[in-house]
């Protein structure tokens, strides 16, 4: 959780967020089909997803739903 965002990871490996775009209704995070989310994090206007290989992804920008590799085995 951060100032403007809440990120939730359920027991099935699906992640949800609220707070972006000024909405506080939980919305499912669409992520790469071949990657399993195992950990999450939140910052002021962004969120971080960690997959089961240890790669860390962040949302590319506040206005985008694309992802970029932040840290990992690339």
N, C-alpha and C. Protein backbone atom coordinates (compact mmCIF):
# COMPACT_ATOMS: atom_id res chain seq x y z
N UNK A 1 0.84 -1.16 0.00
CA UNK A 1 0.00 0.00 0.00
C UNK A 1 0.89 1.24 0.00
N UNK A 2 0.42 2.27 -0.70
CA UNK A 2 1.15 3.53 -0.73
C UNK A 2 0.13 4.67 -0.62
N UNK A 3 0.59 5.90 -0.86
CA UNK A 3 -0.29 7.06 -0.73
C UNK A 3 -1.53 6.97 -1.62
N UNK A 4 -1.34 6.56 -2.87
CA UNK A 4 -2.43 6.60 -3.84
C UNK A 4 -2.81 5.26 -4.42
N UNK A 5 -2.26 4.19 -3.91
CA UNK A 5 -2.52 2.89 -4.54
C UNK A 5 -2.50 1.77 -3.51
N UNK A 6 -3.36 0.80 -3.75
CA UNK A 6 -3.41 -0.43 -2.96
C UNK A 6 -3.27 -1.58 -3.94
N UNK A 7 -2.39 -2.53 -3.66
CA UNK A 7 -2.20 -3.70 -4.50
C UNK A 7 -2.42 -4.93 -3.64
N UNK A 8 -3.20 -5.89 -4.16
CA UNK A 8 -3.56 -7.09 -3.42
C UNK A 8 -3.20 -8.30 -4.26
N UNK A 9 -2.60 -9.31 -3.64
CA UNK A 9 -2.29 -10.58 -4.30
C UNK A 9 -3.14 -11.66 -3.64
N UNK A 10 -3.94 -12.37 -4.46
CA UNK A 10 -4.77 -13.42 -3.85
C UNK A 10 -4.04 -14.76 -3.84
N UNK A 11 -4.64 -15.76 -3.25
CA UNK A 11 -3.97 -17.05 -3.09
C UNK A 11 -3.88 -17.84 -4.39
N UNK A 12 -4.48 -17.35 -5.47
CA UNK A 12 -4.38 -17.99 -6.78
C UNK A 12 -3.33 -17.34 -7.67
N UNK A 13 -2.65 -16.31 -7.16
CA UNK A 13 -1.61 -15.64 -7.92
C UNK A 13 -2.12 -14.51 -8.80
N UNK A 14 -3.35 -14.09 -8.60
CA UNK A 14 -3.89 -12.93 -9.32
C UNK A 14 -3.68 -11.68 -8.49
N UNK A 15 -3.34 -10.60 -9.16
CA UNK A 15 -3.11 -9.34 -8.47
C UNK A 15 -4.19 -8.33 -8.87
N UNK A 16 -4.54 -7.49 -7.92
CA UNK A 16 -5.55 -6.47 -8.12
C UNK A 16 -5.02 -5.14 -7.60
N UNK A 17 -5.51 -4.03 -8.15
CA UNK A 17 -5.09 -2.71 -7.67
C UNK A 17 -6.30 -1.80 -7.55
N UNK A 18 -6.16 -0.78 -6.75
CA UNK A 18 -7.13 0.30 -6.70
C UNK A 18 -6.35 1.58 -6.42
N UNK A 19 -6.96 2.70 -6.75
CA UNK A 19 -6.34 3.99 -6.46
C UNK A 19 -5.82 4.71 -7.68
N UNK A 20 -5.39 3.99 -8.70
CA UNK A 20 -4.96 4.66 -9.93
C UNK A 20 -6.19 5.21 -10.64
N UNK A 21 -6.03 6.27 -11.38
CA UNK A 21 -7.14 6.88 -12.12
C UNK A 21 -8.26 7.32 -11.17
N UNK A 22 -7.92 7.54 -9.93
CA UNK A 22 -8.84 8.05 -8.91
C UNK A 22 -10.03 7.14 -8.65
N UNK A 23 -9.92 5.86 -8.94
CA UNK A 23 -10.97 4.91 -8.62
C UNK A 23 -10.48 4.00 -7.51
N UNK A 24 -11.36 3.65 -6.61
CA UNK A 24 -10.97 2.80 -5.49
C UNK A 24 -11.68 1.46 -5.53
N UNK A 25 -12.12 1.06 -6.72
CA UNK A 25 -12.69 -0.25 -6.94
C UNK A 25 -11.56 -1.17 -7.38
N UNK A 26 -11.41 -2.33 -6.73
CA UNK A 26 -10.34 -3.25 -7.11
C UNK A 26 -10.49 -3.68 -8.56
N UNK A 27 -9.40 -3.58 -9.32
CA UNK A 27 -9.37 -3.99 -10.72
C UNK A 27 -8.26 -5.01 -10.90
N UNK A 28 -8.54 -6.07 -11.65
CA UNK A 28 -7.55 -7.12 -11.87
C UNK A 28 -6.41 -6.57 -12.73
N UNK A 29 -5.19 -6.93 -12.36
CA UNK A 29 -4.01 -6.55 -13.13
C UNK A 29 -3.80 -7.59 -14.22
N UNK A 30 -3.85 -7.16 -15.46
CA UNK A 30 -3.54 -8.05 -16.58
C UNK A 30 -2.03 -8.10 -16.71
N UNK A 31 -1.48 -9.29 -16.58
CA UNK A 31 -0.03 -9.47 -16.61
C UNK A 31 0.29 -10.54 -17.63
N UNK A 32 1.54 -10.77 -17.90
CA UNK A 32 1.96 -11.76 -18.88
C UNK A 32 1.37 -13.13 -18.54
N UNK A 33 0.78 -13.78 -19.53
CA UNK A 33 0.15 -15.09 -19.31
C UNK A 33 1.15 -16.15 -18.85
N UNK A 34 2.41 -16.05 -19.30
CA UNK A 34 3.40 -17.09 -18.99
C UNK A 34 4.16 -16.83 -17.69
N UNK A 35 3.79 -15.80 -16.94
CA UNK A 35 4.49 -15.47 -15.70
C UNK A 35 3.54 -15.57 -14.52
N UNK A 36 4.06 -16.08 -13.41
CA UNK A 36 3.27 -16.20 -12.19
C UNK A 36 3.73 -15.14 -11.20
N UNK A 37 2.81 -14.32 -10.74
CA UNK A 37 3.12 -13.29 -9.77
C UNK A 37 3.23 -13.92 -8.39
N UNK A 38 4.35 -13.65 -7.69
CA UNK A 38 4.53 -14.21 -6.35
C UNK A 38 4.67 -13.13 -5.28
N UNK A 39 4.90 -11.88 -5.71
CA UNK A 39 5.05 -10.80 -4.74
C UNK A 39 4.66 -9.50 -5.41
N UNK A 40 4.23 -8.53 -4.61
CA UNK A 40 3.77 -7.25 -5.13
C UNK A 40 4.33 -6.12 -4.28
N UNK A 41 4.28 -4.91 -4.81
CA UNK A 41 4.67 -3.73 -4.07
C UNK A 41 3.96 -2.53 -4.65
N UNK A 42 3.89 -1.45 -3.90
CA UNK A 42 3.23 -0.24 -4.37
C UNK A 42 4.08 0.97 -4.04
N UNK A 43 4.04 1.95 -4.93
CA UNK A 43 4.68 3.23 -4.68
C UNK A 43 3.67 4.32 -5.00
N UNK A 44 4.08 5.56 -4.96
CA UNK A 44 3.17 6.69 -5.04
C UNK A 44 2.11 6.53 -6.14
N UNK A 45 2.50 6.35 -7.39
CA UNK A 45 1.56 6.20 -8.50
C UNK A 45 1.90 5.00 -9.36
N UNK A 46 2.40 3.96 -8.78
CA UNK A 46 2.85 2.81 -9.56
C UNK A 46 2.80 1.55 -8.70
N UNK A 47 2.97 0.42 -9.33
CA UNK A 47 3.09 -0.82 -8.59
C UNK A 47 4.16 -1.70 -9.22
N UNK A 48 4.68 -2.61 -8.41
CA UNK A 48 5.75 -3.51 -8.80
C UNK A 48 5.23 -4.94 -8.67
N UNK A 49 5.58 -5.80 -9.63
CA UNK A 49 5.20 -7.21 -9.60
C UNK A 49 6.46 -8.05 -9.70
N UNK A 50 6.58 -9.07 -8.89
CA UNK A 50 7.72 -9.98 -8.93
C UNK A 50 7.20 -11.35 -9.36
N UNK A 51 7.85 -11.95 -10.38
CA UNK A 51 7.40 -13.27 -10.83
C UNK A 51 8.20 -14.37 -10.15
N UNK A 52 7.83 -15.61 -10.45
CA UNK A 52 8.45 -16.75 -9.77
C UNK A 52 9.89 -17.00 -10.19
N UNK A 53 10.42 -16.29 -11.20
CA UNK A 53 11.83 -16.42 -11.56
C UNK A 53 12.68 -15.33 -10.90
N UNK A 54 12.03 -14.42 -10.16
CA UNK A 54 12.75 -13.34 -9.50
C UNK A 54 12.82 -12.07 -10.31
N UNK A 55 12.21 -12.04 -11.50
CA UNK A 55 12.20 -10.81 -12.28
C UNK A 55 11.20 -9.83 -11.67
N UNK A 56 11.59 -8.56 -11.66
CA UNK A 56 10.76 -7.52 -11.07
C UNK A 56 10.28 -6.61 -12.19
N UNK A 57 8.98 -6.41 -12.27
CA UNK A 57 8.38 -5.57 -13.29
C UNK A 57 7.67 -4.40 -12.64
N UNK A 58 7.68 -3.27 -13.34
CA UNK A 58 6.89 -2.13 -12.89
C UNK A 58 6.00 -1.69 -14.03
N UNK A 59 4.89 -1.07 -13.69
CA UNK A 59 4.04 -0.49 -14.71
C UNK A 59 4.85 0.55 -15.44
N UNK A 60 4.75 0.60 -16.76
CA UNK A 60 5.64 1.46 -17.54
C UNK A 60 5.46 2.93 -17.19
N UNK A 61 4.24 3.38 -17.08
CA UNK A 61 3.99 4.76 -16.67
C UNK A 61 2.59 4.85 -16.08
N UNK A 62 2.28 5.98 -15.51
CA UNK A 62 0.97 6.17 -14.90
C UNK A 62 -0.13 6.03 -15.93
N UNK A 63 0.12 6.42 -17.18
CA UNK A 63 -0.92 6.41 -18.21
C UNK A 63 -0.91 5.15 -19.06
N UNK A 64 -0.16 4.15 -18.69
CA UNK A 64 -0.02 2.96 -19.52
C UNK A 64 -0.26 1.70 -18.71
N UNK A 65 -0.76 0.66 -19.38
CA UNK A 65 -0.91 -0.62 -18.71
C UNK A 65 0.17 -1.59 -19.16
N UNK A 66 1.18 -1.09 -19.90
CA UNK A 66 2.29 -1.92 -20.32
C UNK A 66 3.29 -2.05 -19.17
N UNK A 67 4.15 -3.06 -19.29
CA UNK A 67 5.13 -3.32 -18.23
C UNK A 67 6.54 -3.28 -18.79
N UNK A 68 7.48 -2.91 -17.96
CA UNK A 68 8.88 -2.95 -18.32
C UNK A 68 9.64 -3.69 -17.23
N UNK A 69 10.66 -4.40 -17.66
CA UNK A 69 11.50 -5.13 -16.71
C UNK A 69 12.28 -4.13 -15.89
N UNK A 70 12.11 -4.17 -14.60
CA UNK A 70 12.76 -3.23 -13.70
C UNK A 70 14.08 -3.80 -13.21
N UNK A 71 14.07 -5.09 -12.91
CA UNK A 71 15.27 -5.77 -12.43
C UNK A 71 15.07 -7.25 -12.65
N UNK A 72 16.05 -7.92 -13.24
CA UNK A 72 15.87 -9.35 -13.41
C UNK A 72 16.91 -10.00 -14.28
N UNK A 73 16.58 -11.15 -14.76
CA UNK A 73 17.52 -12.01 -15.48
C UNK A 73 17.42 -11.84 -16.99
N UNK A 74 17.52 -10.66 -17.49
CA UNK A 74 17.38 -10.45 -18.92
C UNK A 74 18.72 -10.39 -19.62
